[in-house]
Protein backbone atom coordinates (compact mmCIF):
# COMPACT_ATOMS: atom_id res chain seq x y z
CA MET A 1 69.59 49.01 78.41
CA GLN A 2 71.69 48.32 75.34
CA GLN A 3 74.13 45.26 75.67
CA ASN A 4 77.76 45.89 75.62
CA PHE A 5 79.16 42.81 73.65
CA PHE A 6 82.86 43.80 74.22
CA GLU A 7 82.84 44.60 78.01
CA GLN A 8 84.84 41.80 79.15
CA TYR A 9 87.43 42.31 76.12
CA GLN A 10 88.78 45.83 77.10
CA HIS A 11 92.38 44.72 77.27
CA SER A 12 92.41 42.48 74.18
CA ASP A 13 94.96 43.05 71.49
CA ILE A 14 93.64 43.87 67.95
CA ASP A 15 94.05 40.06 66.94
CA GLU A 16 92.06 39.12 69.74
CA LEU A 17 89.26 41.50 69.09
CA ALA A 18 89.14 40.19 65.56
CA ASP A 19 88.50 36.62 66.86
CA VAL A 20 86.07 37.94 69.23
CA ILE A 21 83.99 39.77 66.52
CA GLY A 22 84.15 36.54 64.45
CA GLU A 23 82.77 34.51 67.15
CA LEU A 24 79.91 36.98 67.82
CA LEU A 25 78.95 36.97 64.05
CA GLN A 26 79.91 33.52 63.45
CA ASN A 27 81.53 34.75 60.18
CA PRO A 28 85.49 35.38 59.11
CA ILE A 29 86.47 38.90 59.82
CA THR A 30 89.39 41.12 58.65
CA ILE A 31 90.45 44.48 59.75
CA GLU A 32 92.47 46.68 57.58
CA ASP A 33 93.89 50.06 58.13
CA LEU A 34 93.14 53.22 56.05
CA ASP A 35 95.29 52.06 53.11
CA HIS A 36 93.70 48.62 53.05
CA ARG A 37 96.60 46.81 54.64
CA LEU A 38 95.67 43.89 56.77
CA ILE A 39 96.06 44.58 60.38
CA ALA A 40 94.27 41.34 61.84
CA TYR A 41 91.82 38.55 60.87
CA SER A 42 89.73 35.89 62.45
CA SER A 43 90.02 32.01 62.01
CA HIS A 44 88.10 31.11 59.24
CA GLY A 45 88.23 27.24 58.38
CA ASP A 46 87.09 26.39 54.85
CA SER A 47 84.97 29.42 54.53
CA THR A 48 87.04 32.08 53.16
CA ASP A 49 86.44 33.39 49.62
CA PRO A 50 89.36 34.16 46.77
CA ALA A 51 89.30 38.21 47.91
CA ARG A 52 89.67 37.37 51.48
CA TRP A 53 92.37 34.61 51.01
CA SER A 54 94.30 37.02 48.65
CA THR A 55 93.99 39.66 51.26
CA ILE A 56 95.64 37.49 53.95
CA MET A 57 98.35 36.19 51.57
CA GLY A 58 99.30 39.41 50.11
CA ARG A 59 98.66 41.45 53.44
CA ARG A 60 96.52 43.89 51.41
CA VAL A 61 93.23 44.00 49.63
CA PRO A 62 94.07 43.21 45.97
CA GLU A 63 93.85 46.23 43.58
CA THR A 64 91.11 44.69 41.48
CA VAL A 65 88.62 44.33 44.56
CA LEU A 66 89.46 47.77 45.40
CA ALA A 67 88.65 49.25 42.07
CA ARG A 68 85.46 47.48 41.81
CA LEU A 69 84.43 48.69 45.33
CA TRP A 70 85.14 52.11 44.37
CA LYS A 71 83.47 51.83 41.12
CA ASP A 72 80.16 50.32 42.72
CA GLY A 73 80.24 53.31 45.41
CA VAL A 74 80.94 50.99 48.45
CA PHE A 75 83.70 53.29 49.74
CA GLN A 76 81.80 56.28 49.16
CA GLN A 77 79.03 54.76 51.31
CA LEU A 78 81.66 53.92 54.00
CA PHE A 79 82.94 57.32 54.13
CA SER A 80 79.43 59.04 54.26
CA GLN A 81 77.58 57.02 57.02
CA LYS A 82 78.54 55.51 60.45
CA ASP A 83 76.41 52.44 59.98
CA PRO A 84 77.60 49.13 58.51
CA VAL A 85 77.38 48.73 54.69
CA HIS A 86 75.86 45.37 53.32
CA ILE A 87 77.57 44.36 50.07
CA PRO A 88 76.21 41.76 47.57
CA GLU A 89 78.29 39.29 46.11
CA LYS A 90 80.79 39.86 43.29
CA LYS A 91 81.63 36.59 41.87
CA GLU A 92 83.83 38.06 38.79
CA ILE A 93 86.18 39.37 41.53
CA GLY A 94 86.05 36.40 43.99
CA LEU A 95 84.13 38.54 46.42
CA GLY A 96 81.50 36.78 48.66
CA LYS A 97 78.82 38.86 50.29
CA ARG A 98 80.03 41.13 52.98
CA VAL A 99 79.12 43.62 55.61
CA ALA A 100 81.67 46.54 56.31
CA ILE A 101 82.08 49.25 58.78
CA ALA A 102 84.40 52.21 58.90
CA ILE A 103 86.62 52.58 62.17
CA ARG A 104 86.16 56.23 63.03
CA ARG A 105 87.53 58.54 65.30
CA GLY A 106 85.43 61.93 64.92
CA ASN A 107 85.34 62.69 61.38
CA ASP A 108 88.52 60.58 60.57
CA ILE A 109 88.46 57.19 59.49
CA LEU A 110 91.22 55.08 60.78
CA GLY A 111 90.45 51.88 59.03
CA TYR A 112 87.70 49.40 58.16
CA ILE A 113 86.27 46.02 59.75
CA TRP A 114 84.90 43.50 56.97
CA ALA A 115 82.57 40.56 57.97
CA GLN A 116 82.35 37.98 55.41
CA GLU A 117 78.57 36.61 55.15
CA VAL A 118 79.26 33.09 54.51
CA ASN A 119 78.22 30.97 57.57
CA ARG A 120 75.03 32.72 58.34
CA VAL A 121 73.04 35.99 57.08
CA LEU A 122 74.02 39.04 59.09
CA THR A 123 71.04 40.95 60.76
CA SER A 124 70.25 44.43 62.29
CA TRP A 125 71.30 42.91 65.52
CA ASP A 126 74.81 41.98 64.11
CA ASP A 127 74.92 45.50 62.66
CA GLU A 128 74.97 46.74 66.30
CA ILE A 129 77.89 44.24 66.94
CA LEU A 130 79.70 45.93 64.37
CA ARG A 131 79.19 49.40 65.39
CA GLN A 132 80.52 48.37 68.96
CA ALA A 133 83.25 46.66 67.36
CA ALA A 134 84.39 49.65 65.34
CA LYS A 135 84.45 51.72 68.55
CA GLU A 136 86.50 49.23 70.29
CA ALA A 137 89.05 49.10 67.53
CA VAL A 138 89.71 52.88 67.66
CA PRO A 139 92.23 52.91 70.51
CA ARG A 140 94.05 49.99 69.19
CA LEU A 141 94.42 51.32 65.71
CA LEU A 142 95.37 54.81 67.18
CA GLN A 143 98.46 52.96 68.48
CA ARG A 144 99.30 51.55 65.29
CA GLN A 145 98.55 54.85 63.59
CA GLY A 146 101.11 56.48 65.58
CA LYS A 147 104.04 54.63 63.81
CA ARG A 148 102.17 54.93 60.64
CA LYS A 149 101.93 58.87 61.08
CA ALA A 150 105.68 58.99 61.78
CA GLU A 151 106.22 57.03 58.35
CA GLN A 152 103.48 59.55 56.61
CA ASP A 153 105.48 62.59 58.08
CA ARG A 154 108.82 61.28 56.44
CA GLN A 155 107.11 60.75 53.23
CA LYS A 156 105.63 64.14 53.16
CA GLU A 157 109.26 65.69 53.85
CA PHE A 158 110.52 63.47 51.04
CA LEU A 159 107.78 64.84 48.65
CA TRP A 160 108.75 68.40 49.49
CA GLU A 161 112.29 67.30 48.98
CA LEU A 162 111.58 66.06 45.47
CA LEU A 163 109.40 69.11 44.47
CA LEU A 164 111.79 71.89 45.86
CA GLY A 165 114.83 70.22 44.07
CA GLY A 166 118.62 70.47 44.75
CA HIS A 167 119.47 66.94 43.85
CA SER A 168 122.03 65.79 41.52
CA GLU A 169 121.59 61.83 41.60
CA GLU A 170 118.31 60.10 40.29
CA THR A 171 119.28 57.05 41.93
CA LYS A 172 119.44 58.24 45.45
CA LEU A 173 116.00 59.64 45.08
CA GLN A 174 114.70 56.26 43.86
CA GLN A 175 116.25 54.57 46.79
CA LYS A 176 114.84 57.06 49.29
CA ALA A 177 111.31 56.40 48.03
CA ILE A 178 111.79 52.70 48.26
CA ASN A 179 113.01 52.96 51.82
CA LEU A 180 109.73 54.88 52.65
CA HIS A 181 107.72 52.35 51.04
CA MET A 182 106.50 54.67 48.21
CA LYS A 183 106.04 53.48 44.77
CA ILE A 184 106.71 56.34 42.38
CA VAL A 185 107.05 55.39 38.73
CA PRO A 186 107.89 58.23 36.15
CA PRO A 187 106.58 59.84 34.24
CA LEU A 188 105.28 62.01 36.71
CA MET A 189 103.19 65.57 36.64
CA VAL A 190 102.77 67.85 39.34
CA CYS A 191 99.47 69.65 39.63
CA ALA A 192 98.29 72.35 42.14
CA ILE A 193 94.78 72.75 42.88
CA GLU A 194 93.61 76.16 44.57
CA VAL A 195 90.31 77.45 45.65
CA LEU A 196 89.75 81.19 46.26
CA GLU A 197 89.13 81.99 50.00
CA GLY A 198 89.68 78.08 50.71
CA LYS A 199 92.32 76.06 52.46
CA GLY A 200 94.64 72.97 50.92
CA GLU A 201 93.18 70.81 53.95
CA GLN A 202 89.48 71.72 52.89
CA LEU A 203 90.38 70.43 49.40
CA TYR A 204 92.14 67.23 50.75
CA GLN A 205 89.07 66.24 52.67
CA LEU A 206 86.64 66.76 49.90
CA LEU A 207 88.86 64.96 47.41
CA TYR A 208 90.02 62.36 49.80
CA PRO A 209 88.09 59.44 48.10
CA LEU A 210 89.49 60.27 44.72
CA LEU A 211 93.00 60.48 46.12
CA MET A 212 92.69 57.06 48.12
CA ARG A 213 91.16 55.44 45.03
CA ASP A 214 94.00 56.16 42.79
CA LYS A 215 96.65 56.35 45.32
CA ILE A 216 97.63 59.82 44.56
CA TYR A 217 100.56 61.32 46.55
CA SER A 218 99.62 64.82 47.93
CA LEU A 219 100.75 67.67 50.14
CA THR A 220 98.73 70.86 51.41
CA ASP A 221 100.41 74.29 51.14
CA GLY A 222 98.13 77.21 52.45
CA SER A 223 95.39 77.43 49.84
CA GLN A 224 96.68 74.92 47.68
CA LEU A 225 96.60 71.21 47.35
CA ILE A 226 99.43 69.67 45.61
CA LEU A 227 99.30 66.35 43.67
CA LEU A 228 102.23 64.06 42.39
CA MET A 229 100.25 62.53 39.28
CA GLN A 230 101.56 59.14 37.97
CA HIS A 231 99.58 56.34 36.18
CA PRO A 232 97.61 54.19 38.53
CA ALA A 233 98.73 51.16 36.49
CA GLY A 234 102.02 51.04 38.64
CA GLN A 235 104.12 50.89 35.81
CA ALA A 236 105.84 53.16 33.14
CA VAL A 237 103.55 54.48 30.52
CA THR A 238 103.89 56.95 27.74
CA GLU A 239 103.65 60.87 28.69
CA ASP A 240 100.45 60.78 26.38
CA ALA A 241 98.89 58.17 28.76
CA LEU A 242 99.77 59.95 31.73
CA VAL A 243 98.21 63.02 30.49
CA THR A 244 95.00 61.35 29.33
CA TYR A 245 94.51 59.71 32.73
CA SER A 246 95.40 62.99 34.55
CA GLU A 247 92.78 65.06 32.30
CA GLN A 248 90.22 62.45 33.35
CA PHE A 249 91.11 62.41 37.13
CA LEU A 250 91.05 66.17 37.58
CA GLY A 251 87.91 66.38 35.58
CA GLU A 252 86.33 64.44 38.49
CA CYS A 253 88.12 66.51 40.75
CA MET A 254 86.75 69.91 39.10
CA SER A 255 83.36 68.45 39.11
CA LYS A 256 83.50 67.92 42.96
CA LEU A 257 84.96 71.25 43.55
CA THR A 258 82.21 73.24 41.42
CA ASP A 259 79.54 71.29 43.26
CA LYS A 260 81.21 72.49 46.77
CA PHE A 261 82.30 76.07 45.89
CA GLY A 262 80.49 77.11 42.87
CA LYS A 263 81.91 77.62 39.21
CA GLY A 264 84.83 79.58 38.48
CA LYS A 265 86.15 79.33 42.12
CA ALA A 266 88.70 76.60 41.72
CA HIS A 267 91.69 76.63 39.76
CA ILE A 268 93.87 73.38 38.55
CA GLY A 269 97.16 73.87 37.13
CA CYS A 270 99.65 71.19 35.95
CA GLY A 271 103.15 71.23 35.06
CA ARG A 272 104.57 69.42 32.15
CA PRO A 273 105.16 65.45 32.37
CA VAL A 274 108.86 64.57 33.39
CA SER A 275 110.67 61.35 33.01
CA SER A 276 112.60 61.42 36.26
CA LEU A 277 112.06 62.10 39.97
CA ILE A 278 114.97 64.80 39.84
CA GLU A 279 112.77 66.86 37.23
CA GLY A 280 109.92 67.13 39.75
CA ARG A 281 110.84 70.57 40.58
CA GLN A 282 110.43 71.67 37.23
CA SER A 283 107.00 70.47 36.85
CA TYR A 284 106.04 71.99 40.23
CA GLN A 285 107.38 75.28 39.43
CA GLU A 286 105.14 74.98 36.22
CA ALA A 287 102.18 74.10 38.26
CA LEU A 288 102.50 77.15 40.38
CA GLN A 289 102.82 79.47 37.55
CA MET A 290 99.81 78.02 36.04
CA ASN A 291 97.80 78.89 39.10
CA VAL A 292 99.29 82.58 39.29
CA ILE A 293 98.21 83.07 35.80
CA LYS A 294 94.90 81.39 36.22
CA ARG A 295 94.10 83.86 39.08
CA LEU A 296 95.01 86.89 36.73
CA PHE A 297 93.13 85.69 33.72
CA PRO A 298 90.34 83.32 35.05
CA GLN A 299 87.97 83.42 31.99
CA GLU A 300 90.68 83.33 29.48
CA THR A 301 92.43 80.23 31.12
CA GLU A 302 89.35 78.41 32.28
CA ARG A 303 89.69 75.63 29.73
CA ILE A 304 93.60 75.57 30.10
CA LEU A 305 94.64 72.71 32.44
CA ARG A 306 98.47 72.18 31.49
CA PHE A 307 101.47 74.27 31.23
CA GLN A 308 101.83 73.30 27.50
CA GLN A 309 98.54 74.97 26.84
CA LEU A 310 99.32 78.33 28.12
CA GLY A 311 100.45 80.02 24.91
CA ILE A 312 101.10 83.57 24.99
CA TYR A 313 99.86 83.83 28.66
CA ARG A 314 103.14 82.30 29.94
CA PHE A 315 105.01 85.39 28.74
CA LEU A 316 102.90 88.06 30.07
CA PRO A 317 104.45 88.49 33.58
CA GLN A 318 107.91 88.66 31.98
CA MET A 319 106.34 91.16 29.28
CA LYS A 320 105.12 93.56 31.89
CA SER A 321 108.71 93.35 33.63
CA TRP A 322 110.23 94.34 30.13
CA ASN A 323 107.67 97.02 29.83
CA LYS A 324 108.65 98.49 33.30
CA GLU A 325 112.21 98.48 32.42
CA GLN A 326 111.74 100.29 29.24
CA ALA A 327 108.88 102.63 30.63
CA TYR A 328 107.00 101.41 27.58
CA ARG A 329 103.15 102.00 27.08
CA ASN A 330 100.74 101.52 24.22
CA ASP A 331 100.05 105.23 23.13
CA GLN A 332 97.26 104.00 20.92
CA LEU A 333 95.63 102.20 23.64
CA ALA A 334 95.94 104.92 26.05
CA LYS A 335 93.90 107.01 23.72
CA LEU A 336 91.12 104.61 23.84
CA LEU A 337 91.10 104.32 27.50
CA TYR A 338 91.03 108.08 27.95
CA TYR A 339 88.04 108.10 25.57
CA ASP A 340 86.05 105.67 27.34
CA GLN A 341 86.72 107.40 30.74
CA GLU A 342 85.57 110.83 29.35
CA ASN A 343 82.58 109.56 27.49
CA GLN A 344 81.42 106.77 29.95
CA THR A 345 81.66 104.07 26.90
CA ASN A 346 83.14 100.41 27.13
CA LEU A 347 85.11 100.38 23.59
CA THR A 348 88.06 98.86 25.31
CA GLU A 349 86.13 96.16 26.71
CA THR A 350 84.50 95.53 23.05
CA LEU A 351 88.10 95.54 21.55
CA GLU A 352 89.22 92.98 24.00
CA VAL A 353 86.36 90.55 23.42
CA PHE A 354 86.62 91.08 19.60
CA LEU A 355 90.55 90.07 19.77
CA ASP A 356 89.54 87.11 22.45
CA HIS A 357 87.35 85.84 19.54
CA VAL A 358 89.97 85.91 16.76
CA GLY A 359 88.13 88.72 15.12
CA LYS A 360 84.95 86.77 14.48
CA VAL A 361 82.00 89.40 14.59
CA ASN A 362 79.27 87.02 15.05
CA ARG A 363 80.71 85.40 18.12
CA THR A 364 81.83 88.72 19.57
CA ALA A 365 78.43 90.28 19.29
CA ALA A 366 76.64 87.39 20.64
CA HIS A 367 79.30 87.59 23.73
CA LEU A 368 78.51 91.19 24.11
CA HIS A 369 74.80 90.77 23.57
CA ILE A 370 74.67 93.42 20.78
CA HIS A 371 73.45 93.55 17.27
CA ILE A 372 76.12 92.87 14.78
CA ASN A 373 75.66 96.42 13.12
CA THR A 374 76.13 97.87 16.49
CA LEU A 375 79.54 95.92 16.92
CA SER A 376 80.73 97.19 13.28
CA TYR A 377 80.02 100.77 14.59
CA ARG A 378 81.94 100.34 17.64
CA LEU A 379 84.71 98.65 15.75
CA LYS A 380 85.01 101.54 13.15
CA ARG A 381 84.96 104.16 16.11
CA ILE A 382 87.76 101.91 17.85
CA GLU A 383 89.90 102.45 14.67
CA GLU A 384 89.00 106.16 14.40
CA ILE A 385 90.03 106.85 17.93
CA MET A 386 93.18 104.84 17.90
CA GLN A 387 94.28 105.42 14.22
CA ILE A 388 94.70 101.66 13.69
CA ASP A 389 93.58 99.12 11.15
CA LEU A 390 92.16 96.03 12.92
CA ASP A 391 92.72 94.04 9.79
CA ASP A 392 96.60 94.44 10.20
CA PRO A 393 97.70 91.29 12.03
CA ASN A 394 100.68 92.84 13.73
CA GLN A 395 98.66 95.80 15.20
CA ARG A 396 96.12 93.12 16.25
CA TYR A 397 98.43 90.95 18.12
CA SER A 398 100.15 93.76 19.52
CA LEU A 399 96.99 95.15 21.03
CA TYR A 400 96.03 91.78 22.23
CA ILE A 401 99.33 91.21 24.31
CA ASP A 402 99.11 94.77 25.65
CA LEU A 403 95.58 94.61 26.66
CA LYS A 404 96.46 91.33 28.61
CA VAL A 405 99.57 92.69 30.19
CA MET A 406 97.48 95.78 31.28
CA LYS A 407 95.34 93.58 33.52
CA LEU A 408 98.41 92.56 35.37
CA GLY A 409 98.13 95.78 37.14
């Protein structure tokens, strides 16, 4: 029968638990919450390394240590496995050898136990002690988590307040963020991630390691995961620096989304960078508009990430409204559509692909998988049916826009 190492400590608090683990392992122990804030630590004598000392003094794991552990895949291992993770020494960040385990409740991670391997080498026997210790820590962390959840709920309310707008004073928003222990430093950019037939909570769970690594504030809303992007440096940077960082971060997100859901199933849209909290609503509305357009034009906007890159697609919904108000239709395009319907041809598709490729015949033919001579014949036939000149830029641009508006339904 497996020994229960903590049977006599059922009623000990979290600080006493840390000391008990330390005595059993004969090594210094720290217990942290999910956000790497220090909860408890054992006595250590003279054997504490710089990383542990900084954690105790600052009440949180130093950013340099967290960044390195993320980079080396340590947290990824802690998320994916229930057994302890043995971590080699990393002198350059003041981290000695460690063994760590995630404190779990079901699939949720509540925090971590770290054992500094300094007085003696930790063995598979010690791994079992850590597994039991992680289970013992669960009710103690849940009690603390109740208070933490209340704070997180208030933070989410504030984020919605920020995104939905209606504020007149920037200083009040900034003070509210400070009161909620939120560090928000403009410039900011709101991004919305959406997966077809998916839910925002799924996205959050999938991208959780990245969100935690870069401390991204997020909200879920139906099928969307909404991110408040700011530079991880924690200080004011240029808008260009924020855009560069955001594109790199969202590229990592898209890679994970593609692996999980398949190519073309996920959309990411970002509003413009803004220089104040009070402008967060503007960036949020633009991010939502981005994803509406991405759903309507998935292929055309596949490479577009930011609102500034939308070009004419930004105007198409409004153009559809204008057309409806004016009872407008493109009679030339109607002729081509009628011809396709009557003759089971696909000249409308040929025209759209030709215009999508800016009139470049080689690229158009390659996309359609036809010979260039076949394309030339089709384009001549299109001109004859529609009685247009595809070399006329005015007619070409007008047709391009009307074709896209037509796809809005």
